[in-house]
Amino acid sequence: MRRAAAPSDEACGLCAAPLGERHDHVLDDRDESLLCACRACVLLFGEGTGHFRPVPSRRLRLDGVRPQDLGAPVGLAFFTVAADGTVSARYPSPAGAAGWTVDPDAWAGAVAACPPLGELRPHVEALLVNTLNGADERWLVPVTDCHRLVAAVRMSWKGLSGGTRVRPEIEAFFARLAEGGQP
């Protein structure tokens, strides 16, 4: 029986085994939901086995891609590729992740300028960009990092402009990413 683990459960969303603080994730292709997963389930239900896909852990700093060329109306966004090649962009907001569809020609230009973008695994990896307040961050990351950033923005946002806590949260997130840690 499949059970989706709540964040406080610390249990595998596939077999209900207890999980540690650091654990893996899988994406359910049926509804694009992310599930916490134990290592055994990630290996058992790994790529090529049914509708679950493991979320990779690679994090790679990129250059060559200009977020403004992708039509990003905001300075903090992440881009994912669907199995059909459609590219979606989302940005953290106090209400969650809002988004738009990226122009295919703009994405093709970004891939030409930054070849690792052509290797993004559908739905489970993302291009994450931050140009807020003069930042110049462009990363290939697991999609779970993007969801962590959305949660950090939601939890720290106050008032109409974000208040005083959201900016330090975003900066700390990218600092941990640059240090090689999990944000």
N, C-alpha and C. Protein backbone atom coordinates (compact mmCIF):
# COMPACT_ATOMS: atom_id res chain seq x y z
N MET A 1 0.84 -1.18 0.00
CA MET A 1 0.00 0.00 0.00
C MET A 1 0.88 1.24 0.00
N ARG A 2 0.62 2.14 -0.91
CA ARG A 2 1.41 3.37 -1.03
C ARG A 2 0.87 4.42 -0.09
N ARG A 3 1.78 5.05 0.62
CA ARG A 3 1.39 6.07 1.57
C ARG A 3 2.34 7.23 1.41
N ALA A 4 1.80 8.43 1.20
CA ALA A 4 2.63 9.63 1.09
C ALA A 4 2.99 10.10 2.48
N ALA A 5 4.27 10.23 2.74
CA ALA A 5 4.74 10.63 4.06
C ALA A 5 4.62 12.14 4.24
N ALA A 6 4.07 12.54 5.34
CA ALA A 6 4.06 13.96 5.70
C ALA A 6 5.48 14.32 6.14
N PRO A 7 5.88 15.58 5.96
CA PRO A 7 7.26 15.94 6.30
C PRO A 7 7.66 15.57 7.72
N SER A 8 6.74 15.64 8.67
CA SER A 8 7.08 15.34 10.06
C SER A 8 7.11 13.84 10.33
N ASP A 9 6.57 13.01 9.43
CA ASP A 9 6.57 11.56 9.62
C ASP A 9 7.96 10.96 9.55
N GLU A 10 8.82 11.52 8.69
CA GLU A 10 10.13 10.96 8.44
C GLU A 10 10.03 9.48 8.10
N ALA A 11 9.10 9.16 7.18
CA ALA A 11 8.91 7.79 6.73
C ALA A 11 8.92 7.76 5.21
N CYS A 12 9.38 6.64 4.66
CA CYS A 12 9.40 6.46 3.22
C CYS A 12 7.98 6.52 2.68
N GLY A 13 7.78 7.29 1.63
CA GLY A 13 6.46 7.43 1.01
C GLY A 13 6.05 6.22 0.21
N LEU A 14 6.93 5.24 0.06
CA LEU A 14 6.62 4.03 -0.69
C LEU A 14 6.44 2.81 0.20
N CYS A 15 7.29 2.67 1.23
CA CYS A 15 7.21 1.47 2.08
C CYS A 15 6.99 1.79 3.55
N ALA A 16 6.99 3.07 3.91
CA ALA A 16 6.77 3.54 5.29
C ALA A 16 7.94 3.25 6.23
N ALA A 17 9.09 2.85 5.71
CA ALA A 17 10.26 2.64 6.55
C ALA A 17 10.70 3.98 7.13
N PRO A 18 11.23 3.98 8.34
CA PRO A 18 11.71 5.24 8.93
C PRO A 18 12.85 5.83 8.11
N LEU A 19 12.88 7.15 8.04
CA LEU A 19 13.93 7.85 7.30
C LEU A 19 14.74 8.72 8.24
N GLY A 20 15.97 8.95 7.88
CA GLY A 20 16.80 9.90 8.61
C GLY A 20 16.54 11.30 8.11
N GLU A 21 17.26 12.25 8.69
CA GLU A 21 17.11 13.64 8.27
C GLU A 21 17.45 13.82 6.80
N ARG A 22 18.52 13.16 6.36
CA ARG A 22 18.90 13.19 4.94
C ARG A 22 18.41 11.90 4.29
N HIS A 23 17.64 12.05 3.25
CA HIS A 23 17.10 10.90 2.55
C HIS A 23 16.86 11.26 1.09
N ASP A 24 16.53 10.27 0.30
CA ASP A 24 16.31 10.47 -1.12
C ASP A 24 14.85 10.81 -1.41
N HIS A 25 14.59 11.13 -2.67
CA HIS A 25 13.23 11.43 -3.12
C HIS A 25 12.99 10.76 -4.46
N VAL A 26 11.73 10.45 -4.74
CA VAL A 26 11.32 9.96 -6.05
C VAL A 26 10.16 10.82 -6.53
N LEU A 27 10.04 10.90 -7.84
CA LEU A 27 8.93 11.61 -8.46
C LEU A 27 7.97 10.57 -9.01
N ASP A 28 6.69 10.76 -8.70
CA ASP A 28 5.65 9.89 -9.24
C ASP A 28 5.16 10.54 -10.54
N ASP A 29 5.45 9.92 -11.67
CA ASP A 29 5.08 10.47 -12.98
C ASP A 29 3.58 10.64 -13.16
N ARG A 30 2.79 9.89 -12.40
CA ARG A 30 1.34 9.96 -12.59
C ARG A 30 0.78 11.32 -12.25
N ASP A 31 1.31 11.94 -11.21
CA ASP A 31 0.78 13.25 -10.80
C ASP A 31 1.89 14.26 -10.49
N GLU A 32 3.13 13.91 -10.82
CA GLU A 32 4.30 14.76 -10.60
C GLU A 32 4.51 15.12 -9.12
N SER A 33 4.08 14.24 -8.24
CA SER A 33 4.31 14.48 -6.82
C SER A 33 5.68 13.94 -6.42
N LEU A 34 6.25 14.57 -5.42
CA LEU A 34 7.52 14.13 -4.86
C LEU A 34 7.26 13.36 -3.59
N LEU A 35 7.95 12.25 -3.45
CA LEU A 35 7.82 11.43 -2.25
C LEU A 35 9.18 11.25 -1.60
N CYS A 36 9.22 11.33 -0.28
CA CYS A 36 10.43 10.96 0.44
C CYS A 36 10.60 9.46 0.27
N ALA A 37 11.85 9.00 0.14
CA ALA A 37 12.06 7.58 -0.13
C ALA A 37 13.32 7.08 0.56
N CYS A 38 13.25 5.83 1.03
CA CYS A 38 14.43 5.19 1.59
C CYS A 38 15.32 4.74 0.43
N ARG A 39 16.57 4.47 0.72
CA ARG A 39 17.52 4.10 -0.33
C ARG A 39 17.08 2.82 -1.04
N ALA A 40 16.55 1.86 -0.31
CA ALA A 40 16.11 0.60 -0.92
C ALA A 40 15.02 0.84 -1.95
N CYS A 41 14.05 1.69 -1.64
CA CYS A 41 12.96 1.96 -2.59
C CYS A 41 13.47 2.74 -3.79
N VAL A 42 14.41 3.65 -3.59
CA VAL A 42 14.98 4.38 -4.72
C VAL A 42 15.64 3.40 -5.68
N LEU A 43 16.37 2.44 -5.14
CA LEU A 43 17.03 1.45 -6.00
C LEU A 43 16.02 0.51 -6.64
N LEU A 44 15.02 0.09 -5.88
CA LEU A 44 14.01 -0.85 -6.38
C LEU A 44 13.12 -0.21 -7.44
N PHE A 45 12.69 1.02 -7.17
CA PHE A 45 11.77 1.69 -8.09
C PHE A 45 12.48 2.69 -8.98
N GLY A 46 13.78 2.51 -9.14
CA GLY A 46 14.58 3.46 -9.91
C GLY A 46 14.17 3.55 -11.37
N GLU A 47 14.89 4.35 -12.07
CA GLU A 47 14.63 4.64 -13.48
C GLU A 47 14.37 3.37 -14.28
N GLY A 48 13.35 3.42 -15.11
CA GLY A 48 13.01 2.29 -15.96
C GLY A 48 12.08 1.30 -15.29
N THR A 49 11.68 1.57 -14.07
CA THR A 49 10.81 0.67 -13.34
C THR A 49 9.52 1.39 -12.99
N GLY A 50 8.53 1.27 -13.82
CA GLY A 50 7.23 1.85 -13.52
C GLY A 50 7.22 3.36 -13.64
N HIS A 51 6.44 3.98 -12.78
CA HIS A 51 6.19 5.41 -12.88
C HIS A 51 6.94 6.24 -11.85
N PHE A 52 7.84 5.64 -11.09
CA PHE A 52 8.64 6.40 -10.14
C PHE A 52 10.02 6.68 -10.73
N ARG A 53 10.49 7.91 -10.54
CA ARG A 53 11.82 8.28 -11.01
C ARG A 53 12.59 8.89 -9.86
N PRO A 54 13.81 8.42 -9.61
CA PRO A 54 14.60 9.00 -8.53
C PRO A 54 15.00 10.44 -8.86
N VAL A 55 15.01 11.28 -7.85
CA VAL A 55 15.48 12.65 -8.01
C VAL A 55 16.99 12.62 -7.80
N PRO A 56 17.75 13.04 -8.81
CA PRO A 56 19.22 13.00 -8.68
C PRO A 56 19.71 14.02 -7.66
N SER A 57 20.97 13.91 -7.32
CA SER A 57 21.52 14.81 -6.30
C SER A 57 22.55 15.79 -6.86
N ARG A 58 22.78 15.76 -8.17
CA ARG A 58 23.85 16.63 -8.69
C ARG A 58 23.46 18.10 -8.61
N ARG A 59 24.46 18.89 -8.27
CA ARG A 59 24.34 20.34 -8.22
C ARG A 59 25.55 20.90 -8.96
N LEU A 60 25.27 21.74 -9.95
CA LEU A 60 26.33 22.24 -10.82
C LEU A 60 26.13 23.72 -11.07
N ARG A 61 27.14 24.50 -10.75
CA ARG A 61 27.08 25.95 -11.04
C ARG A 61 27.27 26.13 -12.55
N LEU A 62 26.45 26.98 -13.14
CA LEU A 62 26.44 27.17 -14.60
C LEU A 62 26.83 28.58 -14.98
N ASP A 63 27.26 28.73 -16.21
CA ASP A 63 27.41 30.05 -16.80
C ASP A 63 26.98 29.95 -18.25
N GLY A 64 26.89 31.08 -18.90
CA GLY A 64 26.49 31.09 -20.30
C GLY A 64 25.02 31.34 -20.52
N VAL A 65 24.19 31.02 -19.56
CA VAL A 65 22.75 31.24 -19.71
C VAL A 65 22.38 32.56 -19.04
N ARG A 66 21.58 33.36 -19.74
CA ARG A 66 21.13 34.64 -19.20
C ARG A 66 19.65 34.53 -18.88
N PRO A 67 19.29 34.63 -17.61
CA PRO A 67 17.88 34.47 -17.23
C PRO A 67 16.93 35.40 -17.98
N GLN A 68 17.37 36.61 -18.26
CA GLN A 68 16.49 37.55 -18.97
C GLN A 68 16.17 37.06 -20.38
N ASP A 69 17.05 36.24 -20.98
CA ASP A 69 16.77 35.70 -22.31
C ASP A 69 15.66 34.65 -22.29
N LEU A 70 15.36 34.15 -21.11
CA LEU A 70 14.30 33.15 -20.97
C LEU A 70 12.95 33.78 -20.65
N GLY A 71 12.91 35.10 -20.63
CA GLY A 71 11.64 35.79 -20.39
C GLY A 71 11.25 35.84 -18.93
N ALA A 72 12.21 35.68 -18.04
CA ALA A 72 11.92 35.70 -16.61
C ALA A 72 11.56 37.12 -16.17
N PRO A 73 10.32 37.33 -15.69
CA PRO A 73 9.93 38.67 -15.24
C PRO A 73 10.39 38.97 -13.82
N VAL A 74 11.01 37.99 -13.18
CA VAL A 74 11.46 38.14 -11.80
C VAL A 74 12.91 37.69 -11.70
N GLY A 75 13.57 38.01 -10.60
CA GLY A 75 14.98 37.68 -10.43
C GLY A 75 15.25 36.35 -9.76
N LEU A 76 14.21 35.64 -9.36
CA LEU A 76 14.38 34.36 -8.68
C LEU A 76 13.40 33.38 -9.31
N ALA A 77 13.91 32.38 -10.02
CA ALA A 77 13.04 31.45 -10.74
C ALA A 77 13.75 30.12 -10.95
N PHE A 78 12.93 29.09 -11.20
CA PHE A 78 13.50 27.81 -11.60
C PHE A 78 12.74 27.28 -12.81
N PHE A 79 13.48 26.54 -13.64
CA PHE A 79 12.98 26.07 -14.93
C PHE A 79 13.10 24.55 -14.98
N THR A 80 12.01 23.89 -15.35
CA THR A 80 12.02 22.43 -15.49
C THR A 80 11.54 22.06 -16.89
N VAL A 81 12.04 20.93 -17.36
CA VAL A 81 11.67 20.42 -18.67
C VAL A 81 10.73 19.24 -18.46
N ALA A 82 9.63 19.21 -19.23
CA ALA A 82 8.70 18.08 -19.20
C ALA A 82 9.20 17.00 -20.16
N ALA A 83 8.63 15.82 -20.06
CA ALA A 83 9.02 14.72 -20.93
C ALA A 83 8.81 15.06 -22.40
N ASP A 84 7.84 15.91 -22.71
CA ASP A 84 7.57 16.30 -24.10
C ASP A 84 8.44 17.47 -24.56
N GLY A 85 9.35 17.95 -23.71
CA GLY A 85 10.24 19.04 -24.06
C GLY A 85 9.74 20.43 -23.69
N THR A 86 8.50 20.54 -23.23
CA THR A 86 7.96 21.82 -22.79
C THR A 86 8.73 22.28 -21.55
N VAL A 87 9.07 23.56 -21.50
CA VAL A 87 9.80 24.10 -20.36
C VAL A 87 8.88 25.01 -19.56
N SER A 88 8.79 24.73 -18.28
CA SER A 88 8.00 25.56 -17.36
C SER A 88 8.94 26.33 -16.46
N ALA A 89 8.57 27.55 -16.16
CA ALA A 89 9.32 28.37 -15.22
C ALA A 89 8.42 28.70 -14.05
N ARG A 90 8.99 28.70 -12.88
CA ARG A 90 8.24 29.03 -11.66
C ARG A 90 9.09 29.94 -10.81
N TYR A 91 8.40 30.74 -10.02
CA TYR A 91 9.12 31.59 -9.08
C TYR A 91 8.46 31.50 -7.72
N PRO A 92 9.28 31.51 -6.66
CA PRO A 92 8.73 31.46 -5.30
C PRO A 92 7.94 32.72 -5.00
N SER A 93 6.84 32.53 -4.32
CA SER A 93 6.02 33.66 -3.89
C SER A 93 5.43 33.31 -2.53
N PRO A 94 4.82 34.27 -1.86
CA PRO A 94 4.22 33.95 -0.56
C PRO A 94 3.07 32.96 -0.68
N ALA A 95 2.54 32.76 -1.88
CA ALA A 95 1.45 31.82 -2.09
C ALA A 95 1.93 30.48 -2.64
N GLY A 96 3.22 30.30 -2.78
CA GLY A 96 3.77 29.07 -3.36
C GLY A 96 4.52 29.40 -4.63
N ALA A 97 4.53 28.46 -5.57
CA ALA A 97 5.25 28.67 -6.82
C ALA A 97 4.26 29.09 -7.91
N ALA A 98 4.48 30.26 -8.46
CA ALA A 98 3.69 30.75 -9.59
C ALA A 98 4.54 30.55 -10.84
N GLY A 99 3.91 30.48 -12.02
CA GLY A 99 4.75 30.21 -13.16
C GLY A 99 4.17 30.55 -14.51
N TRP A 100 4.97 30.19 -15.53
CA TRP A 100 4.62 30.43 -16.92
C TRP A 100 5.36 29.40 -17.77
N THR A 101 4.98 29.31 -19.05
CA THR A 101 5.65 28.43 -20.00
C THR A 101 6.70 29.24 -20.75
N VAL A 102 7.88 28.66 -20.90
CA VAL A 102 9.00 29.33 -21.56
C VAL A 102 8.89 29.14 -23.07
N ASP A 103 9.18 30.19 -23.81
CA ASP A 103 9.18 30.13 -25.27
C ASP A 103 10.21 29.09 -25.72
N PRO A 104 9.80 28.14 -26.59
CA PRO A 104 10.74 27.09 -27.02
C PRO A 104 12.01 27.63 -27.69
N ASP A 105 11.90 28.70 -28.47
CA ASP A 105 13.08 29.27 -29.11
C ASP A 105 14.03 29.88 -28.08
N ALA A 106 13.47 30.49 -27.05
CA ALA A 106 14.31 31.06 -25.98
C ALA A 106 15.06 29.95 -25.26
N TRP A 107 14.37 28.83 -24.99
CA TRP A 107 15.03 27.71 -24.32
C TRP A 107 16.12 27.12 -25.21
N ALA A 108 15.85 26.97 -26.50
CA ALA A 108 16.84 26.43 -27.42
C ALA A 108 18.09 27.32 -27.43
N GLY A 109 17.90 28.64 -27.37
CA GLY A 109 19.03 29.55 -27.31
C GLY A 109 19.82 29.39 -26.02
N ALA A 110 19.11 29.16 -24.90
CA ALA A 110 19.78 28.96 -23.61
C ALA A 110 20.59 27.67 -23.62
N VAL A 111 20.03 26.61 -24.22
CA VAL A 111 20.75 25.34 -24.31
C VAL A 111 21.99 25.48 -25.19
N ALA A 112 21.87 26.25 -26.28
CA ALA A 112 23.03 26.47 -27.15
C ALA A 112 24.14 27.21 -26.40
N ALA A 113 23.76 28.15 -25.54
CA ALA A 113 24.74 28.94 -24.78
C ALA A 113 25.28 28.18 -23.58
N CYS A 114 24.51 27.22 -23.09
CA CYS A 114 24.88 26.47 -21.88
C CYS A 114 24.49 25.01 -22.08
N PRO A 115 25.33 24.20 -22.74
CA PRO A 115 24.98 22.82 -23.08
C PRO A 115 24.48 21.93 -21.94
N PRO A 116 24.93 22.09 -20.68
CA PRO A 116 24.38 21.23 -19.63
C PRO A 116 22.85 21.34 -19.47
N LEU A 117 22.27 22.45 -19.92
CA LEU A 117 20.82 22.57 -19.84
C LEU A 117 20.12 21.53 -20.71
N GLY A 118 20.78 21.10 -21.78
CA GLY A 118 20.22 20.07 -22.64
C GLY A 118 20.19 18.71 -21.98
N GLU A 119 20.86 18.58 -20.84
CA GLU A 119 20.92 17.31 -20.11
C GLU A 119 19.98 17.27 -18.91
N LEU A 120 19.18 18.32 -18.71
CA LEU A 120 18.26 18.32 -17.57
C LEU A 120 17.33 17.12 -17.66
N ARG A 121 17.25 16.37 -16.58
CA ARG A 121 16.35 15.22 -16.55
C ARG A 121 14.93 15.73 -16.32
N PRO A 122 13.97 15.31 -17.16
CA PRO A 122 12.60 15.83 -17.08
C PRO A 122 12.01 15.73 -15.67
N HIS A 123 11.47 16.83 -15.24
CA HIS A 123 10.72 16.99 -13.98
C HIS A 123 11.56 16.86 -12.72
N VAL A 124 12.74 16.25 -12.75
CA VAL A 124 13.48 15.99 -11.52
C VAL A 124 14.71 16.86 -11.34
N GLU A 125 15.11 17.60 -12.40
CA GLU A 125 16.20 18.56 -12.29
C GLU A 125 15.71 19.90 -12.81
N ALA A 126 16.38 20.96 -12.37
CA ALA A 126 15.95 22.30 -12.75
C ALA A 126 17.14 23.23 -12.92
N LEU A 127 16.92 24.26 -13.72
CA LEU A 127 17.80 25.42 -13.77
C LEU A 127 17.25 26.39 -12.74
N LEU A 128 18.06 26.74 -11.76
CA LEU A 128 17.67 27.67 -10.70
C LEU A 128 18.49 28.94 -10.86
N VAL A 129 17.82 30.09 -10.97
CA VAL A 129 18.53 31.35 -11.15
C VAL A 129 18.13 32.35 -10.07
N ASN A 130 19.10 33.17 -9.70
CA ASN A 130 18.87 34.25 -8.74
C ASN A 130 19.66 35.46 -9.20
N THR A 131 18.94 36.51 -9.59
CA THR A 131 19.58 37.77 -9.96
C THR A 131 19.08 38.90 -9.07
N LEU A 132 18.46 38.55 -7.94
CA LEU A 132 17.95 39.55 -7.01
C LEU A 132 19.09 40.35 -6.39
N ASN A 133 18.91 41.64 -6.28
CA ASN A 133 19.86 42.51 -5.59
C ASN A 133 21.30 42.31 -6.06
N GLY A 134 21.49 42.16 -7.36
CA GLY A 134 22.82 42.03 -7.92
C GLY A 134 23.43 40.64 -7.88
N ALA A 135 22.69 39.65 -7.40
CA ALA A 135 23.21 38.28 -7.37
C ALA A 135 23.36 37.76 -8.80
N ASP A 136 24.23 36.78 -8.98
CA ASP A 136 24.42 36.16 -10.28
C ASP A 136 24.57 34.66 -10.07
N GLU A 137 23.47 34.02 -9.72
CA GLU A 137 23.47 32.59 -9.40
C GLU A 137 22.71 31.84 -10.48
N ARG A 138 23.35 30.83 -11.06
CA ARG A 138 22.72 29.96 -12.04
C ARG A 138 23.18 28.55 -11.74
N TRP A 139 22.24 27.69 -11.41
CA TRP A 139 22.57 26.35 -10.96
C TRP A 139 21.70 25.30 -11.63
N LEU A 140 22.28 24.15 -11.89
CA LEU A 140 21.52 22.95 -12.22
C LEU A 140 21.38 22.22 -10.89
N VAL A 141 20.14 21.97 -10.46
CA VAL A 141 19.89 21.39 -9.14
C VAL A 141 18.78 20.35 -9.19
N PRO A 142 18.69 19.50 -8.16
CA PRO A 142 17.53 18.63 -8.04
C PRO A 142 16.28 19.51 -7.80
N VAL A 143 15.17 19.09 -8.32
CA VAL A 143 13.95 19.88 -8.16
C VAL A 143 13.56 20.03 -6.69
N THR A 144 14.01 19.11 -5.84
CA THR A 144 13.71 19.23 -4.42
C THR A 144 14.34 20.49 -3.82
N ASP A 145 15.51 20.91 -4.34
CA ASP A 145 16.10 22.17 -3.87
C ASP A 145 15.18 23.34 -4.16
N CYS A 146 14.56 23.32 -5.33
CA CYS A 146 13.64 24.40 -5.71
C CYS A 146 12.43 24.44 -4.78
N HIS A 147 11.93 23.27 -4.42
CA HIS A 147 10.80 23.22 -3.50
C HIS A 147 11.20 23.70 -2.10
N ARG A 148 12.44 23.40 -1.69
CA ARG A 148 12.93 23.92 -0.41
C ARG A 148 13.00 25.45 -0.43
N LEU A 149 13.44 26.01 -1.56
CA LEU A 149 13.51 27.46 -1.68
C LEU A 149 12.12 28.08 -1.64
N VAL A 150 11.16 27.49 -2.34
CA VAL A 150 9.78 27.98 -2.29
C VAL A 150 9.27 27.95 -0.85
N ALA A 151 9.54 26.88 -0.13
CA ALA A 151 9.09 26.78 1.27
C ALA A 151 9.77 27.85 2.14
N ALA A 152 11.06 28.08 1.91
CA ALA A 152 11.77 29.10 2.70
C ALA A 152 11.18 30.49 2.45
N VAL A 153 10.87 30.79 1.20
CA VAL A 153 10.27 32.08 0.88
C VAL A 153 8.89 32.20 1.53
N ARG A 154 8.09 31.16 1.41
CA ARG A 154 6.73 31.19 1.99
C ARG A 154 6.77 31.39 3.51
N MET A 155 7.70 30.69 4.16
CA MET A 155 7.74 30.74 5.62
C MET A 155 8.30 32.06 6.15
N SER A 156 9.16 32.72 5.36
CA SER A 156 9.79 33.94 5.86
C SER A 156 9.14 35.22 5.34
N TRP A 157 8.25 35.13 4.38
CA TRP A 157 7.63 36.30 3.77
C TRP A 157 6.69 36.99 4.74
N LYS A 158 6.80 38.32 4.83
CA LYS A 158 5.92 39.14 5.66
C LYS A 158 5.49 40.36 4.86
N GLY A 159 4.24 40.72 4.94
CA GLY A 159 3.73 41.93 4.30
C GLY A 159 3.71 41.85 2.79
N LEU A 160 3.67 43.00 2.15
CA LEU A 160 3.57 43.06 0.70
C LEU A 160 4.89 42.84 -0.02
N SER A 161 6.00 43.26 0.59
CA SER A 161 7.28 43.19 -0.10
C SER A 161 8.20 42.08 0.42
N GLY A 162 7.74 41.29 1.34
CA GLY A 162 8.55 40.20 1.86
C GLY A 162 9.10 40.45 3.25
N GLY A 163 9.22 41.69 3.64
CA GLY A 163 9.73 42.00 4.96
C GLY A 163 11.23 41.87 5.05
N THR A 164 11.73 41.81 6.26
CA THR A 164 13.19 41.80 6.48
C THR A 164 13.79 40.40 6.52
N ARG A 165 12.97 39.36 6.61
CA ARG A 165 13.50 38.01 6.76
C ARG A 165 13.70 37.25 5.45
N VAL A 166 12.95 37.61 4.40
CA VAL A 166 13.00 36.80 3.19
C VAL A 166 14.34 36.92 2.46
N ARG A 167 14.88 38.10 2.38
CA ARG A 167 16.16 38.28 1.67
C ARG A 167 17.30 37.49 2.33
N PRO A 168 17.48 37.57 3.66
CA PRO A 168 18.52 36.75 4.28
C PRO A 168 18.30 35.24 4.10
N GLU A 169 17.05 34.79 4.05
CA GLU A 169 16.76 33.37 3.82
C GLU A 169 17.23 32.94 2.43
N ILE A 170 16.94 33.78 1.44
CA ILE A 170 17.35 33.47 0.07
C ILE A 170 18.87 33.48 -0.03
N GLU A 171 19.52 34.47 0.57
CA GLU A 171 20.98 34.54 0.54
C GLU A 171 21.60 33.34 1.24
N ALA A 172 21.05 32.92 2.36
CA ALA A 172 21.56 31.75 3.09
C ALA A 172 21.38 30.48 2.27
N PHE A 173 20.26 30.37 1.58
CA PHE A 173 20.00 29.21 0.73
C PHE A 173 21.11 29.08 -0.32
N PHE A 174 21.40 30.18 -1.03
CA PHE A 174 22.43 30.12 -2.08
C PHE A 174 23.83 29.99 -1.50
N ALA A 175 24.07 30.50 -0.31
CA ALA A 175 25.37 30.31 0.33
C ALA A 175 25.60 28.83 0.63
N ARG A 176 24.58 28.14 1.15
CA ARG A 176 24.70 26.71 1.42
C ARG A 176 24.91 25.93 0.13
N LEU A 177 24.22 26.36 -0.92
CA LEU A 177 24.38 25.70 -2.22
C LEU A 177 25.82 25.87 -2.71
N ALA A 178 26.37 27.07 -2.61
CA ALA A 178 27.74 27.34 -3.07
C ALA A 178 28.78 26.59 -2.24
N GLU A 179 28.47 26.33 -0.97
CA GLU A 179 29.40 25.59 -0.09
C GLU A 179 29.36 24.10 -0.37
N GLY A 180 28.47 23.68 -1.25
CA GLY A 180 28.38 22.25 -1.58
C GLY A 180 27.43 21.49 -0.70
N GLY A 181 26.68 22.18 0.13
CA GLY A 181 25.72 21.50 0.98
C GLY A 181 24.34 21.49 0.39
N GLN A 182 23.49 20.73 1.04
CA GLN A 182 22.09 20.70 0.63
C GLN A 182 21.43 21.93 1.22
N PRO A 183 20.83 22.75 0.37
CA PRO A 183 20.18 23.96 0.89
C PRO A 183 19.04 23.65 1.83
